[in-house]
Amino acid sequence: MRGKETILVVDDDADVADVLVTALGRLGYTVLATNDPLRALAAFEQDPSAWHAVISDEMMPMMRGHEMLKRMKKIRPSVKTILCSGSRDVLTSEPAIRTAADQTYVKPIDVREIAFVLRILFDRR
């Protein structure tokens, strides 16, 4: 489950972002986090090749996670995306979510599961 890829975490809940940064960092990933989806999108647009994956919350102020991920995928279709929400209904209610996210998760998230899925996404050929 270890890796060396660079991951962008976007969650308006600082505690969730901090847990992902710490846990994935211990597994060897370079992880940066922001609580602002607009700032995350700007960072991605500035250097799309810097990011191997984006893990995002769905319900955030200013922009929903799937909208941000969709814009990122348009810029760099190969970026791996994981979308999280506290509600399964939110993740299954809109077809746009399925096209923006390579994987979805209902919170609370088990970091081991996220690390496992990241490896699967990264190692697909």
N, C-alpha and C. Protein backbone atom coordinates (compact mmCIF):
# COMPACT_ATOMS: atom_id res chain seq x y z
N MET A 1 0.82 -1.21 0.00
CA MET A 1 0.00 0.00 0.00
C MET A 1 0.86 1.26 0.00
N ARG A 2 2.16 1.11 0.04
CA ARG A 2 3.05 2.27 0.04
C ARG A 2 3.15 2.85 -1.36
N GLY A 3 3.51 4.13 -1.45
CA GLY A 3 3.67 4.76 -2.75
C GLY A 3 4.53 5.99 -2.68
N LYS A 4 4.85 6.50 -3.84
CA LYS A 4 5.67 7.71 -3.94
C LYS A 4 4.97 8.81 -4.72
N GLU A 5 3.71 8.58 -5.07
CA GLU A 5 2.97 9.54 -5.86
C GLU A 5 2.60 10.78 -5.03
N THR A 6 2.18 11.82 -5.75
CA THR A 6 1.78 13.07 -5.12
C THR A 6 0.26 13.17 -5.15
N ILE A 7 -0.32 13.44 -3.99
CA ILE A 7 -1.78 13.45 -3.83
C ILE A 7 -2.23 14.80 -3.29
N LEU A 8 -3.31 15.31 -3.87
CA LEU A 8 -3.95 16.54 -3.41
C LEU A 8 -5.23 16.16 -2.68
N VAL A 9 -5.34 16.58 -1.42
CA VAL A 9 -6.53 16.32 -0.62
C VAL A 9 -7.31 17.63 -0.49
N VAL A 10 -8.62 17.56 -0.78
CA VAL A 10 -9.47 18.75 -0.71
C VAL A 10 -10.67 18.42 0.17
N ASP A 11 -10.72 19.02 1.34
CA ASP A 11 -11.84 18.78 2.27
C ASP A 11 -11.99 20.00 3.15
N ASP A 12 -13.22 20.51 3.26
CA ASP A 12 -13.44 21.69 4.08
C ASP A 12 -13.38 21.38 5.57
N ASP A 13 -13.32 20.10 5.92
CA ASP A 13 -13.12 19.70 7.31
C ASP A 13 -11.62 19.49 7.51
N ALA A 14 -10.98 20.41 8.20
CA ALA A 14 -9.53 20.37 8.38
C ALA A 14 -9.07 19.09 9.07
N ASP A 15 -9.88 18.54 9.98
CA ASP A 15 -9.49 17.31 10.68
C ASP A 15 -9.40 16.13 9.71
N VAL A 16 -10.35 16.02 8.81
CA VAL A 16 -10.33 14.94 7.81
C VAL A 16 -9.11 15.09 6.92
N ALA A 17 -8.86 16.30 6.45
CA ALA A 17 -7.70 16.55 5.60
C ALA A 17 -6.40 16.21 6.33
N ASP A 18 -6.29 16.61 7.58
CA ASP A 18 -5.08 16.33 8.37
C ASP A 18 -4.84 14.83 8.55
N VAL A 19 -5.90 14.08 8.80
CA VAL A 19 -5.76 12.63 8.97
C VAL A 19 -5.23 12.00 7.68
N LEU A 20 -5.78 12.39 6.54
CA LEU A 20 -5.32 11.84 5.26
C LEU A 20 -3.88 12.24 4.97
N VAL A 21 -3.54 13.49 5.23
CA VAL A 21 -2.17 13.95 4.99
C VAL A 21 -1.18 13.15 5.83
N THR A 22 -1.46 13.00 7.10
CA THR A 22 -0.56 12.28 8.00
C THR A 22 -0.46 10.80 7.65
N ALA A 23 -1.59 10.15 7.50
CA ALA A 23 -1.58 8.70 7.26
C ALA A 23 -0.96 8.35 5.91
N LEU A 24 -1.34 9.05 4.86
CA LEU A 24 -0.78 8.75 3.54
C LEU A 24 0.69 9.16 3.46
N GLY A 25 1.05 10.22 4.16
CA GLY A 25 2.45 10.63 4.22
C GLY A 25 3.32 9.55 4.85
N ARG A 26 2.80 8.89 5.88
CA ARG A 26 3.54 7.79 6.52
C ARG A 26 3.75 6.61 5.59
N LEU A 27 2.91 6.52 4.56
CA LEU A 27 3.03 5.43 3.59
C LEU A 27 3.95 5.81 2.43
N GLY A 28 4.54 6.99 2.50
CA GLY A 28 5.51 7.39 1.48
C GLY A 28 5.00 8.37 0.44
N TYR A 29 3.70 8.64 0.45
CA TYR A 29 3.13 9.59 -0.51
C TYR A 29 3.50 11.02 -0.13
N THR A 30 3.59 11.87 -1.12
CA THR A 30 3.67 13.30 -0.88
C THR A 30 2.25 13.81 -0.93
N VAL A 31 1.77 14.38 0.16
CA VAL A 31 0.36 14.77 0.27
C VAL A 31 0.26 16.23 0.67
N LEU A 32 -0.49 16.97 -0.11
CA LEU A 32 -0.79 18.37 0.21
C LEU A 32 -2.30 18.50 0.34
N ALA A 33 -2.73 19.39 1.22
CA ALA A 33 -4.16 19.54 1.46
C ALA A 33 -4.56 21.00 1.44
N THR A 34 -5.81 21.22 1.06
CA THR A 34 -6.42 22.53 1.15
C THR A 34 -7.88 22.34 1.55
N ASN A 35 -8.43 23.33 2.20
CA ASN A 35 -9.83 23.30 2.60
C ASN A 35 -10.71 24.07 1.62
N ASP A 36 -10.11 24.55 0.53
CA ASP A 36 -10.80 25.42 -0.42
C ASP A 36 -10.75 24.81 -1.82
N PRO A 37 -11.89 24.39 -2.38
CA PRO A 37 -11.88 23.77 -3.70
C PRO A 37 -11.42 24.72 -4.81
N LEU A 38 -11.67 25.99 -4.68
CA LEU A 38 -11.20 26.94 -5.70
C LEU A 38 -9.68 27.06 -5.68
N ARG A 39 -9.10 27.05 -4.50
CA ARG A 39 -7.64 27.07 -4.38
C ARG A 39 -7.04 25.77 -4.94
N ALA A 40 -7.70 24.65 -4.67
CA ALA A 40 -7.23 23.37 -5.19
C ALA A 40 -7.26 23.36 -6.72
N LEU A 41 -8.34 23.85 -7.28
CA LEU A 41 -8.46 23.90 -8.73
C LEU A 41 -7.39 24.80 -9.34
N ALA A 42 -7.13 25.93 -8.72
CA ALA A 42 -6.08 26.84 -9.21
C ALA A 42 -4.71 26.17 -9.16
N ALA A 43 -4.42 25.46 -8.08
CA ALA A 43 -3.13 24.76 -7.97
C ALA A 43 -3.02 23.67 -9.03
N PHE A 44 -4.11 22.98 -9.28
CA PHE A 44 -4.10 21.93 -10.29
C PHE A 44 -3.91 22.53 -11.69
N GLU A 45 -4.60 23.61 -11.97
CA GLU A 45 -4.47 24.26 -13.28
C GLU A 45 -3.06 24.79 -13.51
N GLN A 46 -2.43 25.24 -12.46
CA GLN A 46 -1.08 25.79 -12.56
C GLN A 46 -0.08 24.72 -12.98
N ASP A 47 -0.23 23.49 -12.46
CA ASP A 47 0.71 22.42 -12.80
C ASP A 47 -0.01 21.07 -12.72
N PRO A 48 -0.81 20.72 -13.74
CA PRO A 48 -1.59 19.48 -13.69
C PRO A 48 -0.75 18.22 -13.56
N SER A 49 0.46 18.23 -14.09
CA SER A 49 1.28 17.03 -14.05
C SER A 49 1.89 16.78 -12.67
N ALA A 50 1.77 17.73 -11.77
CA ALA A 50 2.33 17.58 -10.41
C ALA A 50 1.51 16.60 -9.57
N TRP A 51 0.26 16.34 -9.97
CA TRP A 51 -0.65 15.56 -9.14
C TRP A 51 -0.96 14.22 -9.78
N HIS A 52 -0.80 13.17 -9.01
CA HIS A 52 -1.14 11.83 -9.48
C HIS A 52 -2.58 11.46 -9.10
N ALA A 53 -3.05 12.03 -8.00
CA ALA A 53 -4.41 11.74 -7.53
C ALA A 53 -4.96 12.92 -6.75
N VAL A 54 -6.29 12.99 -6.74
CA VAL A 54 -7.00 14.00 -5.94
C VAL A 54 -8.07 13.27 -5.14
N ILE A 55 -8.07 13.49 -3.83
CA ILE A 55 -9.10 12.96 -2.94
C ILE A 55 -9.90 14.15 -2.46
N SER A 56 -11.21 14.14 -2.72
CA SER A 56 -12.02 15.31 -2.41
C SER A 56 -13.31 14.95 -1.69
N ASP A 57 -13.73 15.87 -0.84
CA ASP A 57 -15.06 15.82 -0.25
C ASP A 57 -16.04 16.30 -1.31
N GLU A 58 -17.28 15.85 -1.24
CA GLU A 58 -18.29 16.30 -2.20
C GLU A 58 -18.93 17.62 -1.80
N MET A 59 -19.40 17.72 -0.57
CA MET A 59 -20.14 18.89 -0.13
C MET A 59 -19.20 19.91 0.51
N MET A 60 -18.86 20.94 -0.27
CA MET A 60 -17.98 22.00 0.22
C MET A 60 -18.56 23.35 -0.19
N PRO A 61 -18.22 24.40 0.53
CA PRO A 61 -18.67 25.73 0.13
C PRO A 61 -18.00 26.13 -1.19
N MET A 62 -18.65 26.90 -1.97
CA MET A 62 -18.15 27.50 -3.21
C MET A 62 -18.18 26.55 -4.41
N MET A 63 -17.92 25.26 -4.21
CA MET A 63 -17.93 24.33 -5.33
C MET A 63 -18.05 22.91 -4.79
N ARG A 64 -18.90 22.13 -5.44
CA ARG A 64 -19.02 20.73 -5.05
C ARG A 64 -17.81 19.96 -5.57
N GLY A 65 -17.45 18.91 -4.84
CA GLY A 65 -16.27 18.14 -5.17
C GLY A 65 -16.31 17.55 -6.57
N HIS A 66 -17.46 16.99 -6.98
CA HIS A 66 -17.50 16.37 -8.31
C HIS A 66 -17.33 17.40 -9.43
N GLU A 67 -17.78 18.63 -9.19
CA GLU A 67 -17.58 19.69 -10.19
C GLU A 67 -16.09 20.01 -10.33
N MET A 68 -15.41 20.10 -9.21
CA MET A 68 -13.97 20.37 -9.23
C MET A 68 -13.22 19.23 -9.92
N LEU A 69 -13.56 17.99 -9.56
CA LEU A 69 -12.88 16.83 -10.15
C LEU A 69 -13.15 16.75 -11.66
N LYS A 70 -14.35 17.07 -12.06
CA LYS A 70 -14.68 17.06 -13.50
C LYS A 70 -13.80 18.05 -14.26
N ARG A 71 -13.61 19.23 -13.70
CA ARG A 71 -12.74 20.23 -14.33
C ARG A 71 -11.29 19.74 -14.38
N MET A 72 -10.85 19.10 -13.32
CA MET A 72 -9.49 18.57 -13.29
C MET A 72 -9.30 17.46 -14.32
N LYS A 73 -10.29 16.58 -14.43
CA LYS A 73 -10.22 15.49 -15.41
C LYS A 73 -10.22 16.03 -16.84
N LYS A 74 -10.90 17.13 -17.05
CA LYS A 74 -10.91 17.74 -18.39
C LYS A 74 -9.51 18.23 -18.76
N ILE A 75 -8.80 18.74 -17.77
CA ILE A 75 -7.43 19.23 -17.99
C ILE A 75 -6.46 18.05 -18.13
N ARG A 76 -6.61 17.06 -17.25
CA ARG A 76 -5.70 15.90 -17.25
C ARG A 76 -6.52 14.63 -16.97
N PRO A 77 -7.01 14.00 -18.02
CA PRO A 77 -7.89 12.83 -17.86
C PRO A 77 -7.27 11.67 -17.07
N SER A 78 -5.96 11.58 -17.03
CA SER A 78 -5.33 10.44 -16.35
C SER A 78 -5.22 10.60 -14.84
N VAL A 79 -5.53 11.78 -14.30
CA VAL A 79 -5.43 11.96 -12.86
C VAL A 79 -6.46 11.05 -12.18
N LYS A 80 -6.05 10.39 -11.12
CA LYS A 80 -6.92 9.49 -10.37
C LYS A 80 -7.72 10.31 -9.36
N THR A 81 -9.01 9.99 -9.22
CA THR A 81 -9.87 10.79 -8.35
C THR A 81 -10.69 9.91 -7.43
N ILE A 82 -10.77 10.34 -6.18
CA ILE A 82 -11.59 9.68 -5.17
C ILE A 82 -12.48 10.75 -4.55
N LEU A 83 -13.79 10.51 -4.56
CA LEU A 83 -14.76 11.46 -4.03
C LEU A 83 -15.41 10.88 -2.78
N CYS A 84 -15.48 11.67 -1.72
CA CYS A 84 -16.00 11.23 -0.43
C CYS A 84 -17.19 12.08 -0.02
N SER A 85 -18.11 11.46 0.72
CA SER A 85 -19.25 12.19 1.26
C SER A 85 -19.74 11.49 2.51
N GLY A 86 -20.40 12.24 3.36
CA GLY A 86 -21.01 11.67 4.54
C GLY A 86 -22.33 10.97 4.24
N SER A 87 -22.79 11.07 2.98
CA SER A 87 -24.08 10.50 2.60
C SER A 87 -23.95 9.66 1.33
N ARG A 88 -24.34 8.39 1.43
CA ARG A 88 -24.34 7.52 0.25
C ARG A 88 -25.29 8.06 -0.81
N ASP A 89 -26.43 8.64 -0.38
CA ASP A 89 -27.40 9.17 -1.33
C ASP A 89 -26.80 10.26 -2.20
N VAL A 90 -25.96 11.09 -1.62
CA VAL A 90 -25.31 12.16 -2.39
C VAL A 90 -24.43 11.56 -3.48
N LEU A 91 -23.70 10.52 -3.14
CA LEU A 91 -22.77 9.91 -4.10
C LEU A 91 -23.46 9.15 -5.21
N THR A 92 -24.70 8.71 -4.99
CA THR A 92 -25.40 7.94 -6.01
C THR A 92 -26.50 8.72 -6.72
N SER A 93 -26.73 9.96 -6.30
CA SER A 93 -27.87 10.71 -6.83
C SER A 93 -27.62 11.36 -8.19
N GLU A 94 -26.37 11.62 -8.54
CA GLU A 94 -26.10 12.33 -9.78
C GLU A 94 -25.16 11.55 -10.67
N PRO A 95 -25.55 11.34 -11.94
CA PRO A 95 -24.66 10.66 -12.88
C PRO A 95 -23.32 11.39 -13.04
N ALA A 96 -23.30 12.71 -12.89
CA ALA A 96 -22.06 13.49 -13.05
C ALA A 96 -21.00 13.05 -12.03
N ILE A 97 -21.44 12.59 -10.88
CA ILE A 97 -20.49 12.15 -9.86
C ILE A 97 -19.73 10.92 -10.35
N ARG A 98 -20.44 10.00 -10.99
CA ARG A 98 -19.79 8.78 -11.47
C ARG A 98 -18.76 9.06 -12.56
N THR A 99 -18.97 10.10 -13.35
CA THR A 99 -18.00 10.41 -14.40
C THR A 99 -16.80 11.19 -13.88
N ALA A 100 -16.95 11.86 -12.75
CA ALA A 100 -15.85 12.66 -12.20
C ALA A 100 -14.94 11.86 -11.29
N ALA A 101 -15.47 10.80 -10.69
CA ALA A 101 -14.71 10.06 -9.68
C ALA A 101 -14.38 8.66 -10.15
N ASP A 102 -13.12 8.27 -9.96
CA ASP A 102 -12.72 6.89 -10.23
C ASP A 102 -13.22 5.97 -9.13
N GLN A 103 -13.39 6.54 -7.92
CA GLN A 103 -13.88 5.76 -6.78
C GLN A 103 -14.63 6.72 -5.85
N THR A 104 -15.67 6.23 -5.19
CA THR A 104 -16.39 7.02 -4.20
C THR A 104 -16.36 6.30 -2.86
N TYR A 105 -16.45 7.09 -1.78
CA TYR A 105 -16.45 6.56 -0.41
C TYR A 105 -17.42 7.33 0.46
N VAL A 106 -18.06 6.59 1.33
CA VAL A 106 -18.92 7.21 2.34
C VAL A 106 -18.08 7.38 3.60
N LYS A 107 -18.09 8.59 4.15
CA LYS A 107 -17.36 8.87 5.39
C LYS A 107 -18.06 8.19 6.55
N PRO A 108 -17.38 7.85 7.60
CA PRO A 108 -15.96 8.07 7.83
C PRO A 108 -15.13 7.11 6.99
N ILE A 109 -13.98 7.60 6.59
CA ILE A 109 -13.11 6.85 5.70
C ILE A 109 -12.07 6.08 6.49
N ASP A 110 -11.84 4.87 6.07
CA ASP A 110 -10.76 4.06 6.61
C ASP A 110 -9.54 4.34 5.73
N VAL A 111 -8.50 4.92 6.28
CA VAL A 111 -7.33 5.31 5.51
C VAL A 111 -6.69 4.10 4.84
N ARG A 112 -6.75 2.94 5.48
CA ARG A 112 -6.20 1.73 4.87
C ARG A 112 -6.91 1.39 3.58
N GLU A 113 -8.24 1.58 3.56
CA GLU A 113 -9.01 1.34 2.35
C GLU A 113 -8.62 2.33 1.25
N ILE A 114 -8.47 3.59 1.63
CA ILE A 114 -8.07 4.61 0.66
C ILE A 114 -6.70 4.26 0.09
N ALA A 115 -5.76 3.86 0.93
CA ALA A 115 -4.42 3.51 0.47
C ALA A 115 -4.48 2.30 -0.47
N PHE A 116 -5.31 1.34 -0.16
CA PHE A 116 -5.46 0.16 -0.99
C PHE A 116 -6.01 0.55 -2.37
N VAL A 117 -7.05 1.35 -2.38
CA VAL A 117 -7.66 1.78 -3.65
C VAL A 117 -6.69 2.63 -4.46
N LEU A 118 -5.93 3.50 -3.79
CA LEU A 118 -4.93 4.29 -4.51
C LEU A 118 -3.96 3.38 -5.25
N ARG A 119 -3.48 2.33 -4.57
CA ARG A 119 -2.54 1.41 -5.22
C ARG A 119 -3.18 0.74 -6.42
N ILE A 120 -4.43 0.34 -6.29
CA ILE A 120 -5.13 -0.27 -7.42
C ILE A 120 -5.23 0.72 -8.58
N LEU A 121 -5.63 1.96 -8.28
CA LEU A 121 -5.77 2.97 -9.33
C LEU A 121 -4.43 3.27 -9.98
N PHE A 122 -3.39 3.40 -9.19
CA PHE A 122 -2.07 3.74 -9.73
C PHE A 122 -1.47 2.59 -10.53
N ASP A 123 -1.72 1.37 -10.11
CA ASP A 123 -1.06 0.22 -10.74
C ASP A 123 -1.82 -0.33 -11.93
N ARG A 124 -3.01 0.18 -12.22
CA ARG A 124 -3.74 -0.24 -13.43
C ARG A 124 -2.96 0.14 -14.65
N ARG A 125 -2.94 -0.74 -15.60
CA ARG A 125 -2.25 -0.45 -16.86
C ARG A 125 -3.23 -0.28 -17.98
